[in-house]
């Protein structure tokens, strides 16, 4: 029997959503801070042509680690699992693109 009080933020979908959105937000912040003089689609095309898009995306997933530990320390295990699931989806996408 689980006697621990359940929190509305301790849900798989909460962690999964955060895990999917944080890398995108981080990517946009980096673009805005360093390359805002360039049009966004031009920036995307140029990093794709240089074959570094996936490396940049891989680095943008690192902030998920902070959210994972935040949920883990607060004993929100389901939300932490959601963050890990989203991170694995990013890793799988990077792997597929690298193999193609």
Protein backbone atom coordinates (compact mmCIF):
# COMPACT_ATOMS: atom_id res chain seq x y z
CA UNK A 1 0.00 0.00 0.00
CA UNK A 2 1.32 3.42 -0.98
CA UNK A 3 1.00 5.87 1.89
CA UNK A 4 2.88 8.65 0.15
CA UNK A 5 0.77 11.63 -0.78
CA UNK A 6 0.49 11.92 -4.57
CA UNK A 7 1.29 15.26 -6.15
CA UNK A 8 -0.28 16.55 -9.32
CA UNK A 9 3.21 17.20 -10.71
CA UNK A 10 4.29 13.60 -10.09
CA UNK A 11 2.89 12.31 -13.35
CA UNK A 12 4.64 10.72 -16.30
CA UNK A 13 3.07 13.18 -18.75
CA UNK A 14 4.38 16.18 -16.77
CA UNK A 15 7.96 14.91 -16.87
CA UNK A 16 7.63 13.81 -20.49
CA UNK A 17 6.33 17.21 -21.57
CA UNK A 18 9.08 19.02 -19.69
CA UNK A 19 11.64 16.62 -21.12
CA UNK A 20 10.49 17.33 -24.67
CA UNK A 21 10.12 21.11 -24.32
CA UNK A 22 13.23 22.04 -22.32
CA UNK A 23 15.74 21.10 -25.09
CA UNK A 24 13.71 23.05 -27.66
CA UNK A 25 13.53 26.08 -25.37
CA UNK A 26 17.27 25.80 -24.64
CA UNK A 27 17.97 25.58 -28.40
CA UNK A 28 15.90 28.74 -29.00
CA UNK A 29 17.65 30.58 -26.16
CA UNK A 30 21.07 29.73 -27.58
CA UNK A 31 19.94 30.88 -31.03
CA UNK A 32 18.53 34.11 -29.62
CA UNK A 33 21.65 34.88 -27.59
CA UNK A 34 24.29 34.08 -30.21
CA UNK A 35 22.77 34.05 -33.69
CA UNK A 36 19.72 36.31 -33.61
CA UNK A 37 21.20 38.46 -36.39
CA UNK A 38 20.65 35.49 -38.73
CA UNK A 39 17.16 34.46 -39.84
CA UNK A 40 16.05 31.38 -37.91
CA UNK A 41 15.48 29.13 -40.95
CA UNK A 42 18.82 30.20 -42.42
CA UNK A 43 20.44 29.24 -39.12
CA UNK A 44 18.74 25.82 -39.16
CA UNK A 45 19.76 25.18 -42.78
CA UNK A 46 23.35 26.22 -42.14
CA UNK A 47 23.82 24.00 -39.07
CA UNK A 48 22.16 21.14 -40.97
CA UNK A 49 24.53 21.61 -43.94
CA UNK A 50 27.51 21.72 -41.57
CA UNK A 51 26.21 18.44 -40.09
CA UNK A 52 26.22 19.79 -36.55
CA UNK A 53 22.47 20.03 -35.97
CA UNK A 54 22.36 16.72 -34.12
CA UNK A 55 25.38 17.60 -32.00
CA UNK A 56 23.75 20.87 -30.99
CA UNK A 57 20.49 19.07 -30.25
CA UNK A 58 22.40 16.54 -28.15
CA UNK A 59 23.90 19.33 -26.06
CA UNK A 60 20.49 20.98 -25.66
CA UNK A 61 19.23 17.83 -23.90
CA UNK A 62 21.62 18.36 -20.96
CA UNK A 63 19.24 20.69 -19.07
CA UNK A 64 16.93 17.68 -18.77
CA UNK A 65 19.42 16.32 -16.27
CA UNK A 66 18.63 19.20 -13.94
CA UNK A 67 14.90 18.55 -14.16
CA UNK A 68 15.45 14.82 -13.63
CA UNK A 69 17.39 15.47 -10.42
CA UNK A 70 14.86 18.06 -9.29
CA UNK A 71 12.02 15.55 -9.63
CA UNK A 72 14.13 12.77 -8.14
CA UNK A 73 15.07 14.81 -5.05
CA UNK A 74 11.42 15.74 -4.50
CA UNK A 75 10.49 12.06 -4.81
CA UNK A 76 8.42 12.66 -7.94
CA UNK A 77 9.48 9.36 -9.47
CA UNK A 78 6.90 9.29 -12.26
CA UNK A 79 7.82 12.79 -13.45
CA UNK A 80 11.53 11.84 -13.35
CA UNK A 81 10.72 8.79 -15.48
CA UNK A 82 8.94 11.05 -17.96
CA UNK A 83 12.02 13.25 -18.31
CA UNK A 84 14.18 10.16 -18.88
CA UNK A 85 11.70 8.84 -21.45
CA UNK A 86 11.81 12.12 -23.40
CA UNK A 87 15.61 12.14 -23.20
CA UNK A 88 15.74 8.61 -24.61
CA UNK A 89 13.48 9.69 -27.47
CA UNK A 90 15.91 12.51 -28.31
CA UNK A 91 18.83 10.06 -28.09
CA UNK A 92 17.02 7.59 -30.34
CA UNK A 93 16.30 10.34 -32.89
CA UNK A 94 19.96 11.39 -32.90
CA UNK A 95 21.02 7.77 -33.35
CA UNK A 96 18.62 7.24 -36.26
CA UNK A 97 19.78 10.41 -38.03
CA UNK A 98 23.44 9.46 -37.49
CA UNK A 99 22.83 6.02 -39.03
CA UNK A 100 21.05 7.42 -42.09
